Amino acid sequence: MIGRFVGFDLDLTLIDSRPGIGAVYQELARRTGVAIDVSSIRIGPPLESELARFFPAAEVPAMADLYRELYPAYAIESSPPAPGALDAVAAVRDAGGRVVVISSKYAPNVEAHLVHCGFTVDAVVGWAYADGKRDALRKYDALAYVGDYEADMQAAAAAGVTAVGVATGPTTTTELTAAGADVVLPDLTGFRAWLAGHLASIESRLGVPPSSR
């Protein structure tokens, strides 16, 4: 897979951002006086769609700006890597591939998470959701996309790349499969083994001799 990209989602795929995102919403509620049910927040859809549940439409852009302003101070340090995530990214690079992180999150905040957690990646695409993720996967000619949300699997399928679901978010294995996942892993601790098997299968179909793999 020399030079080929593998795409990863960020929230609840590479990192557990639930504590950090909850802290940002709590601070947003404190500053605005608006009651926000943090336990009901969905992680994955665009920020503006969640804010619209609590604020009038005319206020959403300003609240989104405030959320992103607060985010670095409240969310980065409290969001650890997901189990197996660092090794999953390393596995791609060890196999001669490259890594692109494609997220609906604001790109500078994606990059801050990656630096804080110690991920080494080759590209970051922010503010990408659904068709935006599909387009990014096509742009980078990705081999696969790894995510925890139904829209991630749908984007991968629409881009014609292997959809790898991880059941580390709110979406069940059944729901990920129904959304188009080619494979669902309990978490990323098994990703290195899956990738090795997937690449061997591709090479076998292409007729690459085992001795040259």
Protein backbone atom coordinates (compact mmCIF):
# COMPACT_ATOMS: atom_id res chain seq x y z
CA MET A 1 0.00 0.00 0.00
CA ILE A 2 2.96 2.31 -0.59
CA GLY A 3 1.70 5.87 -0.36
CA ARG A 4 -2.00 4.96 -0.06
CA PHE A 5 -4.08 6.80 2.50
CA VAL A 6 -6.26 5.34 5.21
CA GLY A 7 -8.77 7.77 6.66
CA PHE A 8 -9.82 7.97 10.31
CA ASP A 9 -12.61 9.83 12.03
CA LEU A 10 -11.55 11.63 15.23
CA ASP A 11 -14.28 11.76 17.90
CA LEU A 12 -14.96 8.38 19.53
CA THR A 13 -12.73 6.73 16.92
CA LEU A 14 -9.20 8.00 17.59
CA ILE A 15 -10.01 9.84 20.83
CA ASP A 16 -12.58 9.67 23.61
CA SER A 17 -13.74 13.26 23.44
CA ARG A 18 -16.86 12.82 25.58
CA PRO A 19 -15.42 14.37 28.78
CA GLY A 20 -13.97 17.34 26.91
CA ILE A 21 -17.03 18.06 24.80
CA GLY A 22 -19.21 17.82 27.90
CA ALA A 23 -17.01 20.34 29.69
CA VAL A 24 -17.27 22.80 26.80
CA TYR A 25 -21.06 22.58 26.74
CA GLN A 26 -21.20 23.05 30.51
CA GLU A 27 -19.11 26.21 30.22
CA LEU A 28 -21.25 27.41 27.32
CA ALA A 29 -24.36 26.90 29.45
CA ARG A 30 -22.76 28.76 32.36
CA ARG A 31 -21.82 31.75 30.21
CA THR A 32 -25.12 32.02 28.36
CA GLY A 33 -27.53 30.96 31.10
CA VAL A 34 -29.13 28.47 28.71
CA ALA A 35 -29.94 25.02 30.07
CA ILE A 36 -28.08 22.41 27.99
CA ASP A 37 -28.68 18.71 28.59
CA VAL A 38 -25.09 17.57 28.14
CA SER A 39 -26.06 13.90 28.40
CA SER A 40 -28.17 14.24 25.25
CA ILE A 41 -25.42 15.72 23.07
CA ARG A 42 -24.66 13.66 19.97
CA ILE A 43 -21.00 13.43 19.00
CA GLY A 44 -20.55 13.11 15.27
CA PRO A 45 -23.11 15.41 13.63
CA PRO A 46 -22.05 18.99 12.84
CA LEU A 47 -21.77 21.29 15.86
CA GLU A 48 -24.38 23.71 14.52
CA SER A 49 -27.04 20.99 14.37
CA GLU A 50 -26.56 20.27 18.08
CA LEU A 51 -26.49 23.92 19.10
CA ALA A 52 -29.76 24.47 17.21
CA ARG A 53 -31.44 22.19 19.75
CA PHE A 54 -30.77 24.75 22.51
CA PHE A 55 -30.44 28.16 20.85
CA PRO A 56 -32.58 30.12 18.35
CA ALA A 57 -31.36 29.79 14.77
CA ALA A 58 -30.17 33.40 14.67
CA GLU A 59 -27.88 32.77 17.66
CA VAL A 60 -26.33 29.52 16.45
CA PRO A 61 -23.42 31.03 14.45
CA ALA A 62 -22.30 33.13 17.43
CA MET A 63 -22.68 30.18 19.81
CA ALA A 64 -20.63 28.01 17.44
CA ASP A 65 -17.88 30.64 17.44
CA LEU A 66 -17.95 30.80 21.25
CA TYR A 67 -17.88 26.99 21.51
CA ARG A 68 -14.81 26.80 19.29
CA GLU A 69 -13.15 29.60 21.25
CA LEU A 70 -13.71 27.71 24.52
CA TYR A 71 -12.80 24.32 23.12
CA PRO A 72 -8.98 24.34 23.43
CA ALA A 73 -9.04 25.30 27.11
CA TYR A 74 -11.74 22.80 28.15
CA ALA A 75 -11.57 19.80 25.82
CA ILE A 76 -8.04 18.98 24.66
CA GLU A 77 -6.33 17.76 27.81
CA SER A 78 -9.35 15.80 29.04
CA SER A 79 -9.74 13.75 25.82
CA PRO A 80 -7.43 10.70 25.78
CA PRO A 81 -6.59 8.43 22.83
CA ALA A 82 -9.10 5.61 22.33
CA PRO A 83 -7.87 2.08 23.09
CA GLY A 84 -5.57 0.90 20.30
CA ALA A 85 -5.78 4.18 18.39
CA LEU A 86 -2.11 5.12 18.50
CA ASP A 87 -1.14 1.65 17.33
CA ALA A 88 -3.78 1.71 14.57
CA VAL A 89 -2.30 4.89 13.10
CA ALA A 90 1.21 3.45 13.47
CA ALA A 91 0.08 0.25 11.72
CA VAL A 92 -0.86 2.20 8.60
CA ARG A 93 2.48 3.94 8.50
CA ASP A 94 4.37 0.71 9.27
CA ALA A 95 2.66 -0.84 6.23
CA GLY A 96 3.90 1.98 4.00
CA GLY A 97 0.66 3.94 4.01
CA ARG A 98 -0.31 7.45 5.00
CA VAL A 99 -2.98 8.70 7.38
CA VAL A 100 -5.63 11.38 6.86
CA VAL A 101 -7.96 12.36 9.69
CA ILE A 102 -11.35 13.47 8.35
CA SER A 103 -13.66 15.03 10.93
CA SER A 104 -16.69 17.28 11.20
CA LYS A 105 -14.74 19.19 13.87
CA TYR A 106 -12.98 22.52 13.32
CA ALA A 107 -9.57 21.58 11.84
CA PRO A 108 -7.37 23.52 14.34
CA ASN A 109 -9.09 21.66 17.19
CA VAL A 110 -8.55 18.34 15.40
CA GLU A 111 -4.87 19.17 15.08
CA ALA A 112 -4.65 20.16 18.75
CA HIS A 113 -6.08 16.79 19.80
CA LEU A 114 -3.66 14.92 17.56
CA VAL A 115 -0.64 16.78 18.92
CA HIS A 116 -1.76 16.38 22.53
CA CYS A 117 -2.30 12.62 22.13
CA GLY A 118 0.88 12.04 20.14
CA PHE A 119 -0.58 10.96 16.81
CA THR A 120 1.57 11.25 13.68
CA VAL A 121 -0.62 11.84 10.62
CA ASP A 122 -0.08 13.13 7.10
CA ALA A 123 -3.18 15.24 6.51
CA VAL A 124 -6.20 16.67 8.34
CA VAL A 125 -9.58 17.60 6.87
CA GLY A 126 -11.96 19.49 9.13
CA TRP A 127 -15.58 20.56 8.86
CA ALA A 128 -16.31 17.46 6.77
CA TYR A 129 -19.53 15.52 7.30
CA ALA A 130 -21.45 13.05 5.13
CA ASP A 131 -20.79 14.16 1.53
CA GLY A 132 -17.83 16.20 2.76
CA LYS A 133 -16.19 13.05 4.08
CA ARG A 134 -17.02 11.24 0.84
CA ASP A 135 -15.34 13.99 -1.17
CA ALA A 136 -12.26 14.00 1.07
CA LEU A 137 -11.89 10.23 0.74
CA ARG A 138 -12.03 10.56 -3.02
CA LYS A 139 -9.54 13.43 -3.01
CA TYR A 140 -7.01 11.38 -1.06
CA ASP A 141 -7.76 8.18 -3.02
CA ALA A 142 -8.20 6.42 0.31
CA LEU A 143 -7.97 2.69 0.72
CA ALA A 144 -10.35 2.65 3.73
CA TYR A 145 -12.13 4.88 6.21
CA VAL A 146 -12.45 4.08 9.91
CA GLY A 147 -15.25 5.58 11.98
CA ASP A 148 -17.79 5.04 14.72
CA TYR A 149 -20.88 6.66 13.22
CA GLU A 150 -23.42 5.60 10.58
CA ALA A 151 -22.63 8.66 8.44
CA ASP A 152 -18.97 7.56 8.40
CA MET A 153 -19.90 4.21 6.90
CA GLN A 154 -22.23 5.82 4.40
CA ALA A 155 -19.50 8.26 3.32
CA ALA A 156 -17.00 5.43 2.85
CA ALA A 157 -19.48 3.39 0.83
CA ALA A 158 -20.33 6.41 -1.34
CA ALA A 159 -16.62 7.00 -1.97
CA GLY A 160 -16.12 3.35 -2.92
CA VAL A 161 -13.62 2.64 -0.14
CA THR A 162 -13.58 -0.07 2.53
CA ALA A 163 -15.75 1.02 5.45
CA VAL A 164 -14.33 -0.03 8.82
CA GLY A 165 -16.65 0.51 11.75
CA VAL A 166 -15.54 0.64 15.37
CA ALA A 167 -18.17 0.12 18.06
CA THR A 168 -16.62 2.69 20.39
CA GLY A 169 -19.29 5.34 19.95
CA PRO A 170 -23.08 5.37 20.28
CA THR A 171 -23.67 3.28 17.14
CA THR A 172 -24.05 -0.47 17.51
CA THR A 173 -22.40 -3.14 15.39
CA THR A 174 -25.77 -3.88 13.78
CA GLU A 175 -26.34 -0.21 12.95
CA LEU A 176 -22.83 0.22 11.52
CA THR A 177 -23.29 -2.86 9.34
CA ALA A 178 -26.67 -1.65 8.13
CA ALA A 179 -25.08 1.70 7.25
CA GLY A 180 -22.57 0.00 4.96
CA ALA A 181 -19.66 -1.17 7.14
CA ASP A 182 -17.59 -3.91 5.48
CA VAL A 183 -16.19 -4.90 8.85
CA VAL A 184 -16.89 -3.82 12.44
CA LEU A 185 -14.24 -4.01 15.16
CA PRO A 186 -15.04 -3.78 18.88
CA ASP A 187 -12.30 -1.14 19.13
CA LEU A 188 -9.01 -0.28 17.47
CA THR A 189 -6.90 -2.79 19.41
CA GLY A 190 -7.57 -5.29 16.62
CA PHE A 191 -6.97 -2.87 13.75
CA ARG A 192 -3.34 -3.83 13.06
CA ALA A 193 -4.27 -7.49 12.60
CA TRP A 194 -7.26 -6.58 10.44
CA LEU A 195 -5.13 -4.30 8.24
CA ALA A 196 -2.49 -6.99 7.73
CA GLY A 197 -5.15 -9.47 6.66
CA HIS A 198 -6.88 -6.94 4.42
CA LEU A 199 -3.67 -6.01 2.62
CA ALA A 200 -2.75 -9.70 2.18
CA SER A 201 -6.18 -10.32 0.67
CA ILE A 202 -5.75 -7.44 -1.79
CA GLU A 203 -2.31 -8.63 -2.80
CA SER A 204 -3.58 -12.18 -3.25
CA ARG A 205 -6.35 -10.96 -5.57
CA LEU A 206 -3.75 -8.98 -7.52
CA GLY A 207 -1.52 -12.03 -7.79
CA VAL A 208 1.36 -10.64 -5.74
CA PRO A 209 3.66 -13.55 -4.75
CA PRO A 210 3.88 -14.09 -0.97
CA SER A 211 7.67 -13.76 -1.08
CA SER A 212 7.42 -10.21 -2.42
CA ARG A 213 4.87 -8.94 0.13
